[in-house]
Amino acid sequence: MLSLVAAYKLIHDQQVLQFLIGLNYDYKLARGSILMMKPLLDVDHVYNLSLQEQKQRSLIAISQFTNGSSAFNASFHDNNEHLAFTV
């Protein structure tokens, strides 16, 4: 018979696994890292780690977009006037 503590741990682990299974495929590395942790983290910690990963991905995407758009800088000279714009 399971003790109350063991039953709580089992439910806790199942909740974490359900959350991790529901994550997008892009989070497979984070999912694997979390599953390797012993003891398994609680759902709140796993959720916070996934939010942290999402924020980091967003910052990288913004950084890449910003760096990429600077490649589109252009200058035009027309009738001795200098016009510059950034796309």
N, C-alpha and C. Protein backbone atom coordinates (compact mmCIF):
# COMPACT_ATOMS: atom_id res chain seq x y z
N MET A 1 0.84 -1.17 0.00
CA MET A 1 0.00 0.00 0.00
C MET A 1 0.89 1.24 0.00
N LEU A 2 0.50 2.21 -0.80
CA LEU A 2 1.27 3.45 -0.88
C LEU A 2 1.03 4.33 0.33
N SER A 3 2.09 4.90 0.81
CA SER A 3 1.91 5.86 1.89
C SER A 3 1.39 7.16 1.28
N LEU A 4 0.93 8.03 2.12
CA LEU A 4 0.41 9.31 1.66
C LEU A 4 1.50 10.13 0.96
N VAL A 5 2.70 10.09 1.47
CA VAL A 5 3.83 10.82 0.87
C VAL A 5 4.15 10.25 -0.51
N ALA A 6 4.18 8.94 -0.62
CA ALA A 6 4.47 8.30 -1.90
C ALA A 6 3.37 8.59 -2.92
N ALA A 7 2.13 8.60 -2.48
CA ALA A 7 1.01 8.92 -3.38
C ALA A 7 1.11 10.36 -3.86
N TYR A 8 1.44 11.26 -2.97
CA TYR A 8 1.60 12.66 -3.34
C TYR A 8 2.73 12.81 -4.36
N LYS A 9 3.86 12.11 -4.14
CA LYS A 9 5.00 12.17 -5.06
C LYS A 9 4.61 11.63 -6.42
N LEU A 10 3.85 10.55 -6.46
CA LEU A 10 3.40 9.97 -7.72
C LEU A 10 2.53 10.95 -8.49
N ILE A 11 1.58 11.57 -7.81
CA ILE A 11 0.70 12.56 -8.46
C ILE A 11 1.52 13.75 -8.95
N HIS A 12 2.43 14.20 -8.13
CA HIS A 12 3.30 15.32 -8.47
C HIS A 12 4.10 15.01 -9.74
N ASP A 13 4.72 13.84 -9.80
CA ASP A 13 5.51 13.46 -10.96
C ASP A 13 4.65 13.34 -12.21
N GLN A 14 3.44 12.82 -12.07
CA GLN A 14 2.54 12.71 -13.21
C GLN A 14 2.16 14.09 -13.75
N GLN A 15 1.94 15.05 -12.86
CA GLN A 15 1.61 16.41 -13.29
C GLN A 15 2.77 17.03 -14.06
N VAL A 16 3.97 16.83 -13.58
CA VAL A 16 5.16 17.36 -14.26
C VAL A 16 5.30 16.72 -15.64
N LEU A 17 5.14 15.41 -15.70
CA LEU A 17 5.25 14.72 -16.99
C LEU A 17 4.18 15.18 -17.97
N GLN A 18 2.95 15.37 -17.50
CA GLN A 18 1.88 15.86 -18.37
C GLN A 18 2.20 17.25 -18.90
N PHE A 19 2.74 18.10 -18.05
CA PHE A 19 3.12 19.44 -18.48
C PHE A 19 4.23 19.38 -19.54
N LEU A 20 5.24 18.57 -19.28
CA LEU A 20 6.37 18.47 -20.22
C LEU A 20 5.95 17.88 -21.56
N ILE A 21 5.06 16.91 -21.52
CA ILE A 21 4.57 16.30 -22.76
C ILE A 21 3.81 17.33 -23.59
N GLY A 22 3.14 18.26 -22.92
CA GLY A 22 2.36 19.27 -23.62
C GLY A 22 3.19 20.40 -24.23
N LEU A 23 4.48 20.45 -23.90
CA LEU A 23 5.32 21.51 -24.46
C LEU A 23 5.56 21.29 -25.95
N ASN A 24 5.75 22.39 -26.64
CA ASN A 24 6.06 22.38 -28.06
C ASN A 24 7.36 21.60 -28.31
N TYR A 25 7.50 21.06 -29.51
CA TYR A 25 8.69 20.30 -29.89
C TYR A 25 9.97 21.13 -29.74
N ASP A 26 9.86 22.44 -29.91
CA ASP A 26 11.03 23.32 -29.81
C ASP A 26 11.67 23.28 -28.42
N TYR A 27 10.96 22.81 -27.45
CA TYR A 27 11.45 22.76 -26.07
C TYR A 27 12.02 21.39 -25.70
N LYS A 28 12.36 20.58 -26.70
CA LYS A 28 12.81 19.22 -26.41
C LYS A 28 14.08 19.19 -25.58
N LEU A 29 15.01 20.12 -25.80
CA LEU A 29 16.24 20.13 -25.00
C LEU A 29 15.95 20.51 -23.55
N ALA A 30 15.11 21.51 -23.35
CA ALA A 30 14.73 21.90 -22.00
C ALA A 30 13.99 20.75 -21.31
N ARG A 31 13.10 20.10 -22.06
CA ARG A 31 12.35 18.97 -21.52
C ARG A 31 13.30 17.87 -21.06
N GLY A 32 14.26 17.53 -21.90
CA GLY A 32 15.23 16.50 -21.56
C GLY A 32 16.05 16.86 -20.33
N SER A 33 16.45 18.12 -20.26
CA SER A 33 17.24 18.57 -19.10
C SER A 33 16.44 18.47 -17.81
N ILE A 34 15.18 18.85 -17.87
CA ILE A 34 14.33 18.79 -16.69
C ILE A 34 14.10 17.34 -16.26
N LEU A 35 13.89 16.47 -17.23
CA LEU A 35 13.65 15.06 -16.90
C LEU A 35 14.87 14.39 -16.30
N MET A 36 16.07 14.92 -16.57
CA MET A 36 17.29 14.35 -16.01
C MET A 36 17.53 14.77 -14.56
N MET A 37 16.80 15.77 -14.09
CA MET A 37 16.99 16.26 -12.72
C MET A 37 16.42 15.27 -11.72
N LYS A 38 17.19 15.01 -10.69
CA LYS A 38 16.75 14.13 -9.62
C LYS A 38 16.90 14.86 -8.30
N PRO A 39 15.91 14.98 -7.50
CA PRO A 39 14.52 14.57 -7.75
C PRO A 39 13.87 15.48 -8.79
N LEU A 40 12.82 14.99 -9.38
CA LEU A 40 12.09 15.75 -10.37
C LEU A 40 11.51 17.02 -9.74
N LEU A 41 11.66 18.13 -10.43
CA LEU A 41 11.17 19.41 -9.90
C LEU A 41 9.66 19.41 -9.81
N ASP A 42 9.12 20.34 -9.02
CA ASP A 42 7.66 20.46 -8.96
C ASP A 42 7.17 21.26 -10.17
N VAL A 43 5.88 21.24 -10.39
CA VAL A 43 5.28 21.86 -11.57
C VAL A 43 5.58 23.35 -11.63
N ASP A 44 5.56 24.03 -10.51
CA ASP A 44 5.84 25.47 -10.50
C ASP A 44 7.24 25.77 -11.01
N HIS A 45 8.22 25.00 -10.56
CA HIS A 45 9.59 25.22 -11.02
C HIS A 45 9.74 24.89 -12.50
N VAL A 46 9.10 23.83 -12.95
CA VAL A 46 9.17 23.45 -14.36
C VAL A 46 8.51 24.52 -15.21
N TYR A 47 7.39 25.04 -14.76
CA TYR A 47 6.70 26.11 -15.48
C TYR A 47 7.60 27.35 -15.57
N ASN A 48 8.23 27.72 -14.46
CA ASN A 48 9.11 28.89 -14.46
C ASN A 48 10.31 28.69 -15.39
N LEU A 49 10.87 27.49 -15.42
CA LEU A 49 11.97 27.20 -16.33
C LEU A 49 11.53 27.30 -17.78
N SER A 50 10.32 26.84 -18.08
CA SER A 50 9.83 26.92 -19.45
C SER A 50 9.55 28.37 -19.85
N LEU A 51 9.07 29.18 -18.91
CA LEU A 51 8.90 30.61 -19.19
C LEU A 51 10.24 31.28 -19.45
N GLN A 52 11.22 30.93 -18.66
CA GLN A 52 12.56 31.48 -18.83
C GLN A 52 13.12 31.11 -20.21
N GLU A 53 12.92 29.88 -20.62
CA GLU A 53 13.36 29.42 -21.94
C GLU A 53 12.64 30.20 -23.04
N GLN A 54 11.34 30.42 -22.87
CA GLN A 54 10.56 31.15 -23.86
C GLN A 54 11.04 32.60 -23.97
N LYS A 55 11.31 33.24 -22.85
CA LYS A 55 11.81 34.61 -22.87
C LYS A 55 13.16 34.69 -23.55
N GLN A 56 14.01 33.72 -23.27
CA GLN A 56 15.33 33.69 -23.89
C GLN A 56 15.20 33.53 -25.40
N ARG A 57 14.31 32.66 -25.85
CA ARG A 57 14.08 32.47 -27.29
C ARG A 57 13.56 33.75 -27.93
N SER A 58 12.68 34.46 -27.23
CA SER A 58 12.14 35.71 -27.75
C SER A 58 13.23 36.76 -27.90
N LEU A 59 14.10 36.86 -26.90
CA LEU A 59 15.19 37.82 -26.97
C LEU A 59 16.15 37.49 -28.10
N ILE A 60 16.42 36.23 -28.31
CA ILE A 60 17.30 35.83 -29.41
C ILE A 60 16.65 36.17 -30.74
N ALA A 61 15.35 35.91 -30.87
CA ALA A 61 14.65 36.22 -32.11
C ALA A 61 14.65 37.72 -32.38
N ILE A 62 14.41 38.52 -31.36
CA ILE A 62 14.42 39.97 -31.52
C ILE A 62 15.82 40.45 -31.90
N SER A 63 16.82 39.90 -31.25
CA SER A 63 18.20 40.27 -31.54
C SER A 63 18.56 39.93 -32.98
N GLN A 64 18.17 38.76 -33.44
CA GLN A 64 18.45 38.37 -34.81
C GLN A 64 17.71 39.26 -35.80
N PHE A 65 16.48 39.62 -35.49
CA PHE A 65 15.70 40.49 -36.36
C PHE A 65 16.35 41.86 -36.44
N THR A 66 16.77 42.39 -35.30
CA THR A 66 17.39 43.71 -35.25
C THR A 66 18.71 43.70 -36.02
N ASN A 67 19.52 42.69 -35.82
CA ASN A 67 20.79 42.58 -36.54
C ASN A 67 20.56 42.38 -38.04
N GLY A 68 19.56 41.61 -38.38
CA GLY A 68 19.26 41.37 -39.79
C GLY A 68 18.75 42.61 -40.49
N SER A 69 17.95 43.42 -39.79
CA SER A 69 17.40 44.61 -40.43
C SER A 69 18.47 45.66 -40.67
N SER A 70 19.53 45.65 -39.88
CA SER A 70 20.60 46.62 -40.10
C SER A 70 21.32 46.34 -41.41
N ALA A 71 21.20 45.13 -41.92
CA ALA A 71 21.81 44.81 -43.20
C ALA A 71 21.08 45.49 -44.34
N PHE A 72 19.88 45.98 -44.10
CA PHE A 72 19.10 46.63 -45.13
C PHE A 72 19.27 48.14 -45.13
N ASN A 73 20.22 48.66 -44.33
CA ASN A 73 20.49 50.09 -44.34
C ASN A 73 20.91 50.51 -45.73
N ALA A 74 20.43 51.65 -46.17
CA ALA A 74 20.77 52.12 -47.51
C ALA A 74 20.87 53.63 -47.51
N SER A 75 21.71 54.15 -48.38
CA SER A 75 21.85 55.59 -48.57
C SER A 75 21.70 55.89 -50.04
N PHE A 76 21.03 56.99 -50.34
CA PHE A 76 20.84 57.42 -51.72
C PHE A 76 21.30 58.86 -51.86
N HIS A 77 21.96 59.15 -52.94
CA HIS A 77 22.39 60.50 -53.24
C HIS A 77 21.62 60.94 -54.49
N ASP A 78 20.91 62.05 -54.38
CA ASP A 78 20.13 62.54 -55.50
C ASP A 78 20.21 64.06 -55.52
N ASN A 79 20.76 64.63 -56.60
CA ASN A 79 20.88 66.08 -56.74
C ASN A 79 21.56 66.72 -55.53
N ASN A 80 22.68 66.17 -55.14
CA ASN A 80 23.47 66.67 -54.02
C ASN A 80 22.75 66.63 -52.68
N GLU A 81 21.64 65.93 -52.59
CA GLU A 81 20.94 65.75 -51.31
C GLU A 81 21.23 64.34 -50.82
N HIS A 82 21.41 64.22 -49.55
CA HIS A 82 21.69 62.92 -48.96
C HIS A 82 20.47 62.43 -48.21
N LEU A 83 19.91 61.33 -48.67
CA LEU A 83 18.75 60.72 -48.00
C LEU A 83 19.19 59.36 -47.48
N ALA A 84 18.87 59.09 -46.25
CA ALA A 84 19.21 57.78 -45.66
C ALA A 84 17.96 57.22 -45.01
N PHE A 85 17.83 55.92 -45.11
CA PHE A 85 16.70 55.27 -44.44
C PHE A 85 17.11 53.89 -44.01
N THR A 86 16.39 53.39 -43.05
CA THR A 86 16.61 52.04 -42.54
C THR A 86 15.32 51.27 -42.65
N VAL A 87 15.42 50.07 -43.18
CA VAL A 87 14.25 49.20 -43.30
C VAL A 87 14.19 48.31 -42.10
